[in-house]
Amino acid sequence: MLQEKTGINAGNVWNALNEGGKLNVKDLKKATKIKTDRELNLTLGWLLREDKVVVEEEGKEVFVSLK
């Protein structure tokens, strides 16, 4: 069940980044309506493992963009 939800979230994150470009984690969470940090972290881990996104720290913020 968790894998399925993470896969769906991964698609939603990819779509949000495709439309919005580089987003900070807070805006990404809002754009995808992912409810918890845990769900977002699992999703980002999935996309990082698949080499689909880049995660960067800029100051105190974390930004995500498509590769």
C-alpha atoms as a PDB file:
ATOM      1  CA  MET A   1       0.000   0.000   0.000  1.00  0.00           C
ATOM      2  CA  LEU A   2       2.764   2.454   0.917  1.00  0.00           C
ATOM      3  CA  GLN A   3       4.666   1.677  -2.288  1.00  0.00           C
ATOM      4  CA  GLU A   4       1.587   2.361  -4.382  1.00  0.00           C
ATOM      5  CA  LYS A   5       0.936   5.686  -2.652  1.00  0.00           C
ATOM      6  CA  THR A   6       4.594   6.668  -3.002  1.00  0.00           C
ATOM      7  CA  GLY A   7       4.453   5.864  -6.716  1.00  0.00           C
ATOM      8  CA  ILE A   8       1.365   8.022  -7.158  1.00  0.00           C
ATOM      9  CA  ASN A   9       3.019  10.834  -5.193  1.00  0.00           C
ATOM     10  CA  ALA A  10       6.129  10.510  -7.375  1.00  0.00           C
ATOM     11  CA  GLY A  11       3.998  11.125 -10.452  1.00  0.00           C
ATOM     12  CA  ASN A  12       2.376  14.130  -8.810  1.00  0.00           C
ATOM     13  CA  VAL A  13       5.762  15.576  -7.820  1.00  0.00           C
ATOM     14  CA  TRP A  14       7.132  15.052 -11.327  1.00  0.00           C
ATOM     15  CA  ASN A  15       4.090  16.812 -12.828  1.00  0.00           C
ATOM     16  CA  ALA A  16       4.361  19.728 -10.390  1.00  0.00           C
ATOM     17  CA  LEU A  17       8.050  20.198 -11.169  1.00  0.00           C
ATOM     18  CA  ASN A  18       7.414  19.871 -14.895  1.00  0.00           C
ATOM     19  CA  GLU A  19       4.848  22.679 -14.684  1.00  0.00           C
ATOM     20  CA  GLY A  20       6.442  24.866 -12.008  1.00  0.00           C
ATOM     21  CA  GLY A  21      10.155  24.305 -12.513  1.00  0.00           C
ATOM     22  CA  LYS A  22      12.403  24.452  -9.464  1.00  0.00           C
ATOM     23  CA  LEU A  23      10.368  24.533  -6.238  1.00  0.00           C
ATOM     24  CA  ASN A  24      11.273  24.661  -2.590  1.00  0.00           C
ATOM     25  CA  VAL A  25      10.078  21.759  -0.457  1.00  0.00           C
ATOM     26  CA  LYS A  26       7.270  23.759   1.163  1.00  0.00           C
ATOM     27  CA  ASP A  27       5.828  24.858  -2.188  1.00  0.00           C
ATOM     28  CA  LEU A  28       6.265  21.372  -3.632  1.00  0.00           C
ATOM     29  CA  LYS A  29       4.379  19.850  -0.733  1.00  0.00           C
ATOM     30  CA  LYS A  30       1.576  22.372  -1.199  1.00  0.00           C
ATOM     31  CA  ALA A  31       1.430  21.916  -5.002  1.00  0.00           C
ATOM     32  CA  THR A  32       1.162  18.136  -4.717  1.00  0.00           C
ATOM     33  CA  LYS A  33      -1.104  18.102  -1.649  1.00  0.00           C
ATOM     34  CA  ILE A  34       1.220  15.611   0.039  1.00  0.00           C
ATOM     35  CA  LYS A  35       0.179  15.678   3.677  1.00  0.00           C
ATOM     36  CA  THR A  36       3.250  14.639   5.657  1.00  0.00           C
ATOM     37  CA  ASP A  37       6.990  15.201   5.524  1.00  0.00           C
ATOM     38  CA  ARG A  38       7.415  11.425   5.680  1.00  0.00           C
ATOM     39  CA  GLU A  39       5.393  10.923   2.497  1.00  0.00           C
ATOM     40  CA  LEU A  40       7.332  13.671   0.728  1.00  0.00           C
ATOM     41  CA  ASN A  41      10.678  12.250   1.850  1.00  0.00           C
ATOM     42  CA  LEU A  42       9.742   8.756   0.631  1.00  0.00           C
ATOM     43  CA  THR A  43       8.650  10.233  -2.686  1.00  0.00           C
ATOM     44  CA  LEU A  44      11.807  12.295  -3.138  1.00  0.00           C
ATOM     45  CA  GLY A  45      13.893   9.244  -2.255  1.00  0.00           C
ATOM     46  CA  TRP A  46      12.077   7.263  -4.929  1.00  0.00           C
ATOM     47  CA  LEU A  47      12.674   9.976  -7.549  1.00  0.00           C
ATOM     48  CA  LEU A  48      16.309  10.419  -6.522  1.00  0.00           C
ATOM     49  CA  ARG A  49      16.903   6.681  -6.814  1.00  0.00           C
ATOM     50  CA  GLU A  50      15.351   6.756 -10.279  1.00  0.00           C
ATOM     51  CA  ASP A  51      17.651   9.713 -11.127  1.00  0.00           C
ATOM     52  CA  LYS A  52      14.686  11.930 -12.049  1.00  0.00           C
ATOM     53  CA  VAL A  53      15.259  14.925  -9.739  1.00  0.00           C
ATOM     54  CA  VAL A  54      17.979  17.115  -8.307  1.00  0.00           C
ATOM     55  CA  VAL A  55      17.803  18.243  -4.675  1.00  0.00           C
ATOM     56  CA  GLU A  56      19.856  21.317  -3.720  1.00  0.00           C
ATOM     57  CA  GLU A  57      20.377  23.290  -0.541  1.00  0.00           C
ATOM     58  CA  GLU A  58      20.406  27.056  -0.895  1.00  0.00           C
ATOM     59  CA  GLY A  59      20.935  28.666   2.466  1.00  0.00           C
ATOM     60  CA  LYS A  60      18.367  27.155   4.803  1.00  0.00           C
ATOM     61  CA  GLU A  61      15.993  26.065   2.033  1.00  0.00           C
ATOM     62  CA  VAL A  62      15.898  22.858   0.023  1.00  0.00           C
ATOM     63  CA  PHE A  63      14.905  23.052  -3.643  1.00  0.00           C
ATOM     64  CA  VAL A  64      13.880  20.272  -5.989  1.00  0.00           C
ATOM     65  CA  SER A  65      13.974  20.315  -9.781  1.00  0.00           C
ATOM     66  CA  LEU A  66      13.736  17.830 -12.614  1.00  0.00           C
ATOM     67  CA  LYS A  67      16.957  16.445 -13.997  1.00  0.00           C
END
